[in-house]
Amino acid sequence: MTHRNDTAATGRLGRIVTGLEETAIAVLLGLMTLVTFINVVLRYGFNESLIWGLEVTLILFAWLVIFGVSYGVKVTAHLGVDAVISLLPGRGRRAAALLAAAVCLLYGVLLMKGAWDYWAPFAGLEQTTGRWFPTGLADGTRDRAFYVTDQVPMPAMFRFLEDLINYGEEYDKLPRVIPYVILPLGVALLLFRLIQATIGVLRGTREALIVSHEAEDALADVVAARDAETVTSQER
């Protein structure tokens, strides 16, 4: 399924989410490169370093990976095993794809609950009740809004969080609620992509959910390169 068909499957919302993911991935890669480059120059050129540079790079990398999970579903970049499914007739392959979609959606819902329950205390919010699925909001969730990162300075633009979730107490470092927000956000994007892929299977515009034939593509590239060399040699 092409990028164009995937986007059309969900219309304007799909285009917005695609733009968000692609922009975020590009910005995160750029920031990681910039911070690392500055740190190397400072270390080897001036015997100095950004104390918070490594932690920021780790946070940016974590964000990049989680954004990549949902984007990978969109472009079918995730690897899968379809050796058995490929042996099935057309209807059998479609049924297997829908079964896989149902399992992935169920997993996504469970993952969403876990992501929210982990992040919520750092935002001063309540976790959900229920062992497997959310049945409501729990009372008395331990407030962890005062937790901060190890070295990352507190940007002035986030000072409003002190009054919003930290009872007016000043943060001396970046609160963990900010880097951890990627958990519910990333899982929400993953759920959206899984729903989008499931719609594609139902409409017949997508054969499978996340299967990528990376090995076959690599082999085809090798064969094409070899054929090109043969043609060039014959011309000479």
C-alpha atoms as a PDB file:
ATOM      1  CA  MET A   1       0.000   0.000   0.000  1.00  0.00           C
ATOM      2  CA  THR A   2       1.386   3.371  -0.934  1.00  0.00           C
ATOM      3  CA  HIS A   3       1.821   6.448   1.214  1.00  0.00           C
ATOM      4  CA  ARG A   4      -0.945   8.110  -0.775  1.00  0.00           C
ATOM      5  CA  ASN A   5      -3.498   5.333  -0.222  1.00  0.00           C
ATOM      6  CA  ASP A   6      -2.631   5.075   3.459  1.00  0.00           C
ATOM      7  CA  THR A   7      -3.267   8.763   3.940  1.00  0.00           C
ATOM      8  CA  ALA A   8      -6.529   8.616   2.044  1.00  0.00           C
ATOM      9  CA  ALA A   9      -7.737   5.839   4.334  1.00  0.00           C
ATOM     10  CA  THR A  10      -8.287   8.268   7.165  1.00  0.00           C
ATOM     11  CA  GLY A  11      -8.487  11.571   5.296  1.00  0.00           C
ATOM     12  CA  ARG A  12      -7.476  14.821   6.883  1.00  0.00           C
ATOM     13  CA  LEU A  13      -6.698  13.297  10.301  1.00  0.00           C
ATOM     14  CA  GLY A  14      -4.307  10.857   8.659  1.00  0.00           C
ATOM     15  CA  ARG A  15      -2.478  13.683   6.918  1.00  0.00           C
ATOM     16  CA  ILE A  16      -2.175  15.623  10.181  1.00  0.00           C
ATOM     17  CA  VAL A  17      -0.805  12.614  12.069  1.00  0.00           C
ATOM     18  CA  THR A  18       1.610  11.810   9.249  1.00  0.00           C
ATOM     19  CA  GLY A  19       2.878  15.380   9.254  1.00  0.00           C
ATOM     20  CA  LEU A  20       3.271  15.282  13.036  1.00  0.00           C
ATOM     21  CA  GLU A  21       5.243  12.044  12.984  1.00  0.00           C
ATOM     22  CA  GLU A  22       7.521  12.970  10.096  1.00  0.00           C
ATOM     23  CA  THR A  23       8.215  16.444  11.500  1.00  0.00           C
ATOM     24  CA  ALA A  24       8.875  15.088  14.991  1.00  0.00           C
ATOM     25  CA  ILE A  25      11.251  12.411  13.699  1.00  0.00           C
ATOM     26  CA  ALA A  26      13.188  14.957  11.643  1.00  0.00           C
ATOM     27  CA  VAL A  27      13.398  17.458  14.517  1.00  0.00           C
ATOM     28  CA  LEU A  28      14.465  14.799  17.019  1.00  0.00           C
ATOM     29  CA  LEU A  29      17.204  13.523  14.704  1.00  0.00           C
ATOM     30  CA  GLY A  30      18.415  17.073  14.132  1.00  0.00           C
ATOM     31  CA  LEU A  31      18.473  17.922  17.838  1.00  0.00           C
ATOM     32  CA  MET A  32      20.305  14.708  18.716  1.00  0.00           C
ATOM     33  CA  THR A  33      22.941  15.451  16.075  1.00  0.00           C
ATOM     34  CA  LEU A  34      23.288  19.070  17.181  1.00  0.00           C
ATOM     35  CA  VAL A  35      23.640  18.317  20.906  1.00  0.00           C
ATOM     36  CA  THR A  36      26.122  15.510  20.254  1.00  0.00           C
ATOM     37  CA  PHE A  37      28.173  17.651  17.852  1.00  0.00           C
ATOM     38  CA  ILE A  38      28.346  20.577  20.304  1.00  0.00           C
ATOM     39  CA  ASN A  39      29.359  18.241  23.117  1.00  0.00           C
ATOM     40  CA  VAL A  40      32.164  16.713  21.028  1.00  0.00           C
ATOM     41  CA  VAL A  41      33.490  20.146  20.037  1.00  0.00           C
ATOM     42  CA  LEU A  42      33.413  21.360  23.637  1.00  0.00           C
ATOM     43  CA  ARG A  43      35.086  18.219  24.947  1.00  0.00           C
ATOM     44  CA  TYR A  44      37.943  17.948  22.459  1.00  0.00           C
ATOM     45  CA  GLY A  45      38.324  21.617  21.643  1.00  0.00           C
ATOM     46  CA  PHE A  46      37.840  23.334  25.007  1.00  0.00           C
ATOM     47  CA  ASN A  47      38.056  20.491  27.554  1.00  0.00           C
ATOM     48  CA  GLU A  48      34.474  21.288  28.572  1.00  0.00           C
ATOM     49  CA  SER A  49      31.151  19.532  28.113  1.00  0.00           C
ATOM     50  CA  LEU A  50      27.417  19.953  28.444  1.00  0.00           C
ATOM     51  CA  ILE A  51      26.679  18.186  31.715  1.00  0.00           C
ATOM     52  CA  TRP A  52      23.121  17.546  30.598  1.00  0.00           C
ATOM     53  CA  GLY A  53      24.028  16.628  27.022  1.00  0.00           C
ATOM     54  CA  LEU A  54      24.002  12.841  27.439  1.00  0.00           C
ATOM     55  CA  GLU A  55      20.683  12.809  29.306  1.00  0.00           C
ATOM     56  CA  VAL A  56      19.044  15.044  26.712  1.00  0.00           C
ATOM     57  CA  THR A  57      20.333  12.795  23.921  1.00  0.00           C
ATOM     58  CA  LEU A  58      18.913   9.724  25.673  1.00  0.00           C
ATOM     59  CA  ILE A  59      15.532  11.423  26.081  1.00  0.00           C
ATOM     60  CA  LEU A  60      15.485  12.484  22.428  1.00  0.00           C
ATOM     61  CA  PHE A  61      16.449   8.968  21.337  1.00  0.00           C
ATOM     62  CA  ALA A  62      13.630   7.458  23.416  1.00  0.00           C
ATOM     63  CA  TRP A  63      11.161   9.863  21.810  1.00  0.00           C
ATOM     64  CA  LEU A  64      12.545   9.000  18.361  1.00  0.00           C
ATOM     65  CA  VAL A  65      12.106   5.268  18.928  1.00  0.00           C
ATOM     66  CA  ILE A  66       8.537   5.597  20.194  1.00  0.00           C
ATOM     67  CA  PHE A  67       7.534   7.882  17.330  1.00  0.00           C
ATOM     68  CA  GLY A  68       9.158   5.365  15.001  1.00  0.00           C
ATOM     69  CA  VAL A  69       6.986   2.530  16.322  1.00  0.00           C
ATOM     70  CA  SER A  70       3.770   4.124  15.108  1.00  0.00           C
ATOM     71  CA  TYR A  71       5.308   5.438  11.892  1.00  0.00           C
ATOM     72  CA  GLY A  72       6.684   1.964  11.185  1.00  0.00           C
ATOM     73  CA  VAL A  73       3.142   0.574  11.215  1.00  0.00           C
ATOM     74  CA  LYS A  74       2.093   3.162   8.663  1.00  0.00           C
ATOM     75  CA  VAL A  75       4.872   2.388   6.180  1.00  0.00           C
ATOM     76  CA  THR A  76       4.891  -1.380   6.977  1.00  0.00           C
ATOM     77  CA  ALA A  77       8.510  -1.172   8.126  1.00  0.00           C
ATOM     78  CA  HIS A  78       8.061  -3.634  10.997  1.00  0.00           C
ATOM     79  CA  LEU A  79       9.237  -7.163  10.362  1.00  0.00           C
ATOM     80  CA  GLY A  80       6.844 -10.087  10.465  1.00  0.00           C
ATOM     81  CA  VAL A  81       6.678 -13.757   9.568  1.00  0.00           C
ATOM     82  CA  ASP A  82       4.150 -14.584   6.865  1.00  0.00           C
ATOM     83  CA  ALA A  83       5.529 -17.902   5.570  1.00  0.00           C
ATOM     84  CA  VAL A  84       2.402 -19.800   6.662  1.00  0.00           C
ATOM     85  CA  ILE A  85      -0.050 -17.023   5.825  1.00  0.00           C
ATOM     86  CA  SER A  86       1.295 -16.826   2.265  1.00  0.00           C
ATOM     87  CA  LEU A  87       0.222 -20.450   1.734  1.00  0.00           C
ATOM     88  CA  LEU A  88      -3.419 -19.621   2.487  1.00  0.00           C
ATOM     89  CA  PRO A  89      -5.967 -18.682  -0.181  1.00  0.00           C
ATOM     90  CA  GLY A  90      -7.073 -15.056  -0.518  1.00  0.00           C
ATOM     91  CA  ARG A  91      -9.881 -15.254   2.036  1.00  0.00           C
ATOM     92  CA  GLY A  92      -7.659 -17.128   4.466  1.00  0.00           C
ATOM     93  CA  ARG A  93      -4.964 -14.451   4.253  1.00  0.00           C
ATOM     94  CA  ARG A  94      -7.542 -11.737   4.847  1.00  0.00           C
ATOM     95  CA  ALA A  95      -8.991 -13.600   7.843  1.00  0.00           C
ATOM     96  CA  ALA A  96      -5.511 -14.074   9.296  1.00  0.00           C
ATOM     97  CA  ALA A  97      -4.744 -10.382   8.783  1.00  0.00           C
ATOM     98  CA  LEU A  98      -7.955  -9.370  10.555  1.00  0.00           C
ATOM     99  CA  LEU A  99      -7.197 -11.751  13.424  1.00  0.00           C
ATOM    100  CA  ALA A 100      -3.714 -10.248  13.740  1.00  0.00           C
ATOM    101  CA  ALA A 101      -5.279  -6.775  13.668  1.00  0.00           C
ATOM    102  CA  ALA A 102      -7.679  -7.677  16.480  1.00  0.00           C
ATOM    103  CA  VAL A 103      -4.828  -9.012  18.619  1.00  0.00           C
ATOM    104  CA  CYS A 104      -2.720  -5.913  17.950  1.00  0.00           C
ATOM    105  CA  LEU A 105      -5.616  -3.596  18.823  1.00  0.00           C
ATOM    106  CA  LEU A 106      -6.180  -5.485  22.067  1.00  0.00           C
ATOM    107  CA  TYR A 107      -2.480  -5.212  22.863  1.00  0.00           C
ATOM    108  CA  GLY A 108      -2.577  -1.501  22.038  1.00  0.00           C
ATOM    109  CA  VAL A 109      -5.430  -0.911  24.487  1.00  0.00           C
ATOM    110  CA  LEU A 110      -3.573  -2.770  27.242  1.00  0.00           C
ATOM    111  CA  LEU A 111      -0.416  -0.817  26.428  1.00  0.00           C
ATOM    112  CA  MET A 112      -2.353   2.450  26.545  1.00  0.00           C
ATOM    113  CA  LYS A 113      -3.590   1.683  30.044  1.00  0.00           C
ATOM    114  CA  GLY A 114      -0.081   0.864  31.205  1.00  0.00           C
ATOM    115  CA  ALA A 115       1.374   3.986  29.596  1.00  0.00           C
ATOM    116  CA  TRP A 116      -1.241   6.234  31.207  1.00  0.00           C
ATOM    117  CA  ASP A 117      -0.876   4.615  34.629  1.00  0.00           C
ATOM    118  CA  TYR A 118       2.888   5.076  34.514  1.00  0.00           C
ATOM    119  CA  TRP A 119       2.792   8.704  33.326  1.00  0.00           C
ATOM    120  CA  ALA A 120      -0.219  10.001  35.270  1.00  0.00           C
ATOM    121  CA  PRO A 121       1.435  10.265  38.727  1.00  0.00           C
ATOM    122  CA  PHE A 122       4.221  12.423  37.271  1.00  0.00           C
ATOM    123  CA  ALA A 123       1.527  14.778  35.949  1.00  0.00           C
ATOM    124  CA  GLY A 124      -0.322  14.857  39.264  1.00  0.00           C
ATOM    125  CA  LEU A 125      -3.178  12.843  37.737  1.00  0.00           C
ATOM    126  CA  GLU A 126      -4.958   9.675  38.817  1.00  0.00           C
ATOM    127  CA  GLN A 127      -4.152   6.208  37.535  1.00  0.00           C
ATOM    128  CA  THR A 128      -6.925   3.992  36.187  1.00  0.00           C
ATOM    129  CA  THR A 129      -8.651   1.179  38.017  1.00  0.00           C
ATOM    130  CA  GLY A 130      -9.036  -2.319  36.639  1.00  0.00           C
ATOM    131  CA  ARG A 131      -6.386  -4.978  36.228  1.00  0.00           C
ATOM    132  CA  TRP A 132      -6.523  -5.326  32.452  1.00  0.00           C
ATOM    133  CA  PHE A 133      -8.827  -2.617  31.128  1.00  0.00           C
ATOM    134  CA  PRO A 134      -9.540   0.840  32.589  1.00  0.00           C
ATOM    135  CA  THR A 135     -12.764   0.870  34.598  1.00  0.00           C
ATOM    136  CA  GLY A 136     -12.422   4.341  36.084  1.00  0.00           C
ATOM    137  CA  LEU A 137      -9.954   6.553  37.925  1.00  0.00           C
ATOM    138  CA  ALA A 138      -8.322   5.457  41.167  1.00  0.00           C
ATOM    139  CA  ASP A 139      -8.413   7.591  44.296  1.00  0.00           C
ATOM    140  CA  GLY A 140      -5.221   8.325  46.194  1.00  0.00           C
ATOM    141  CA  THR A 141      -2.683   7.811  43.421  1.00  0.00           C
ATOM    142  CA  ARG A 142       0.719   8.717  44.770  1.00  0.00           C
ATOM    143  CA  ASP A 143       1.693  12.137  43.429  1.00  0.00           C
ATOM    144  CA  ARG A 144       5.111  12.097  41.725  1.00  0.00           C
ATOM    145  CA  ALA A 145       4.911  15.514  40.088  1.00  0.00           C
ATOM    146  CA  PHE A 146       7.948  16.664  42.096  1.00  0.00           C
ATOM    147  CA  TYR A 147      10.243  14.120  40.421  1.00  0.00           C
ATOM    148  CA  VAL A 148      12.838  15.787  38.180  1.00  0.00           C
ATOM    149  CA  THR A 149      15.497  14.656  35.717  1.00  0.00           C
ATOM    150  CA  ASP A 150      19.090  14.252  36.845  1.00  0.00           C
ATOM    151  CA  GLN A 151      20.850  17.044  34.947  1.00  0.00           C
ATOM    152  CA  VAL A 152      18.529  18.746  32.447  1.00  0.00           C
ATOM    153  CA  PRO A 153      17.986  22.438  33.361  1.00  0.00           C
ATOM    154  CA  MET A 154      14.461  23.770  33.760  1.00  0.00           C
ATOM    155  CA  PRO A 155      13.465  25.860  30.707  1.00  0.00           C
ATOM    156  CA  ALA A 156      11.586  29.052  31.512  1.00  0.00           C
ATOM    157  CA  MET A 157       8.800  28.088  29.081  1.00  0.00           C
ATOM    158  CA  PHE A 158       7.771  25.226  31.377  1.00  0.00           C
ATOM    159  CA  ARG A 159       7.654  27.241  34.612  1.00  0.00           C
ATOM    160  CA  PHE A 160       3.839  27.212  34.443  1.00  0.00           C
ATOM    161  CA  LEU A 161       3.986  23.560  35.517  1.00  0.00           C
ATOM    162  CA  GLU A 162       5.140  24.631  38.959  1.00  0.00           C
ATOM    163  CA  ASP A 163       1.741  26.147  39.714  1.00  0.00           C
ATOM    164  CA  LEU A 164      -0.202  23.669  37.611  1.00  0.00           C
ATOM    165  CA  ILE A 165       1.003  20.359  39.071  1.00  0.00           C
ATOM    166  CA  ASN A 166       3.665  21.073  41.723  1.00  0.00           C
ATOM    167  CA  TYR A 167       1.684  23.257  44.167  1.00  0.00           C
ATOM    168  CA  GLY A 168       3.784  26.309  43.375  1.00  0.00           C
ATOM    169  CA  GLU A 169       7.069  24.640  44.316  1.00  0.00           C
ATOM    170  CA  GLU A 170       9.950  25.642  42.055  1.00  0.00           C
ATOM    171  CA  TYR A 171      11.622  23.054  39.835  1.00  0.00           C
ATOM    172  CA  ASP A 172      15.416  23.140  39.850  1.00  0.00           C
ATOM    173  CA  LYS A 173      15.554  20.627  36.960  1.00  0.00           C
ATOM    174  CA  LEU A 174      13.222  19.575  34.164  1.00  0.00           C
ATOM    175  CA  PRO A 175      10.309  17.593  35.667  1.00  0.00           C
ATOM    176  CA  ARG A 176       9.996  14.012  34.489  1.00  0.00           C
ATOM    177  CA  VAL A 177       6.414  14.583  33.400  1.00  0.00           C
ATOM    178  CA  ILE A 178       7.735  16.208  30.213  1.00  0.00           C
ATOM    179  CA  PRO A 179      10.020  13.442  28.858  1.00  0.00           C
ATOM    180  CA  TYR A 180       7.593  10.755  30.063  1.00  0.00           C
ATOM    181  CA  VAL A 181       4.635  12.244  28.187  1.00  0.00           C
ATOM    182  CA  ILE A 182       5.855  10.419  25.087  1.00  0.00           C
ATOM    183  CA  LEU A 183       4.521   7.177  26.607  1.00  0.00           C
ATOM    184  CA  PRO A 184       0.768   7.916  26.360  1.00  0.00           C
ATOM    185  CA  LEU A 185       1.301  10.070  23.274  1.00  0.00           C
ATOM    186  CA  GLY A 186       3.303   7.412  21.459  1.00  0.00           C
ATOM    187  CA  VAL A 187       0.884   4.606  22.339  1.00  0.00           C
ATOM    188  CA  ALA A 188      -2.052   6.760  21.218  1.00  0.00           C
ATOM    189  CA  LEU A 189      -0.328   7.237  17.851  1.00  0.00           C
ATOM    190  CA  LEU A 190       0.343   3.504  17.667  1.00  0.00           C
ATOM    191  CA  LEU A 191      -3.338   2.759  18.310  1.00  0.00           C
ATOM    192  CA  PHE A 192      -4.316   5.216  15.595  1.00  0.00           C
ATOM    193  CA  ARG A 193      -1.978   3.546  13.114  1.00  0.00           C
ATOM    194  CA  LEU A 194      -3.268   0.083  14.030  1.00  0.00           C
ATOM    195  CA  ILE A 195      -6.855   1.250  13.527  1.00  0.00           C
ATOM    196  CA  GLN A 196      -5.830   2.819  10.227  1.00  0.00           C
ATOM    197  CA  ALA A 197      -4.153  -0.416   9.106  1.00  0.00           C
ATOM    198  CA  THR A 198      -7.174  -2.475  10.155  1.00  0.00           C
ATOM    199  CA  ILE A 199      -9.444  -0.231   8.081  1.00  0.00           C
ATOM    200  CA  GLY A 200      -7.082  -0.767   5.168  1.00  0.00           C
ATOM    201  CA  VAL A 201      -7.375  -4.556   5.517  1.00  0.00           C
ATOM    202  CA  LEU A 202     -11.165  -4.339   5.750  1.00  0.00           C
ATOM    203  CA  ARG A 203     -11.323  -2.203   2.615  1.00  0.00           C
ATOM    204  CA  GLY A 204      -8.943  -4.462   0.756  1.00  0.00           C
ATOM    205  CA  THR A 205      -6.332  -1.744   0.199  1.00  0.00           C
ATOM    206  CA  ARG A 206      -3.815  -3.434   2.470  1.00  0.00           C
ATOM    207  CA  GLU A 207      -2.912  -7.124   2.530  1.00  0.00           C
ATOM    208  CA  ALA A 208      -1.304  -7.304   5.961  1.00  0.00           C
ATOM    209  CA  LEU A 209      -0.813  -5.247   9.088  1.00  0.00           C
ATOM    210  CA  ILE A 210       2.902  -4.741   9.650  1.00  0.00           C
ATOM    211  CA  VAL A 211       4.722  -7.327   7.540  1.00  0.00           C
ATOM    212  CA  SER A 212       7.829  -6.080   5.743  1.00  0.00           C
ATOM    213  CA  HIS A 213       9.719  -8.143   3.178  1.00  0.00           C
ATOM    214  CA  GLU A 214      13.076  -6.550   3.935  1.00  0.00           C
ATOM    215  CA  ALA A 215      15.118  -9.628   3.064  1.00  0.00           C
ATOM    216  CA  GLU A 216      13.348 -10.077  -0.277  1.00  0.00           C
ATOM    217  CA  ASP A 217      13.807  -6.392  -1.111  1.00  0.00           C
ATOM    218  CA  ALA A 218      17.515  -6.565  -0.247  1.00  0.00           C
ATOM    219  CA  LEU A 219      17.928  -9.674  -2.416  1.00  0.00           C
ATOM    220  CA  ALA A 220      16.137  -7.952  -5.305  1.00  0.00           C
ATOM    221  CA  ASP A 221      18.509  -4.983  -4.977  1.00  0.00           C
ATOM    222  CA  VAL A 222      21.526  -7.302  -5.135  1.00  0.00           C
ATOM    223  CA  VAL A 223      20.170  -9.064  -8.226  1.00  0.00           C
ATOM    224  CA  ALA A 224      19.416  -5.714  -9.905  1.00  0.00           C
ATOM    225  CA  ALA A 225      22.935  -4.449  -9.148  1.00  0.00           C
ATOM    226  CA  ARG A 226      24.470  -7.643 -10.524  1.00  0.00           C
ATOM    227  CA  ASP A 227      22.382  -7.423 -13.700  1.00  0.00           C
ATOM    228  CA  ALA A 228      23.430  -3.793 -14.131  1.00  0.00           C
ATOM    229  CA  GLU A 229      27.111  -4.769 -13.839  1.00  0.00           C
ATOM    230  CA  THR A 230      26.597  -7.543 -16.420  1.00  0.00           C
ATOM    231  CA  VAL A 231      25.019  -5.148 -18.881  1.00  0.00           C
ATOM    232  CA  THR A 232      27.812  -2.630 -18.363  1.00  0.00           C
ATOM    233  CA  SER A 233      30.475  -5.301 -18.942  1.00  0.00           C
ATOM    234  CA  GLN A 234      28.795  -6.475 -22.150  1.00  0.00           C
ATOM    235  CA  GLU A 235      28.618  -2.903 -23.470  1.00  0.00           C
ATOM    236  CA  ARG A 236      32.342  -2.515 -22.923  1.00  0.00           C
END
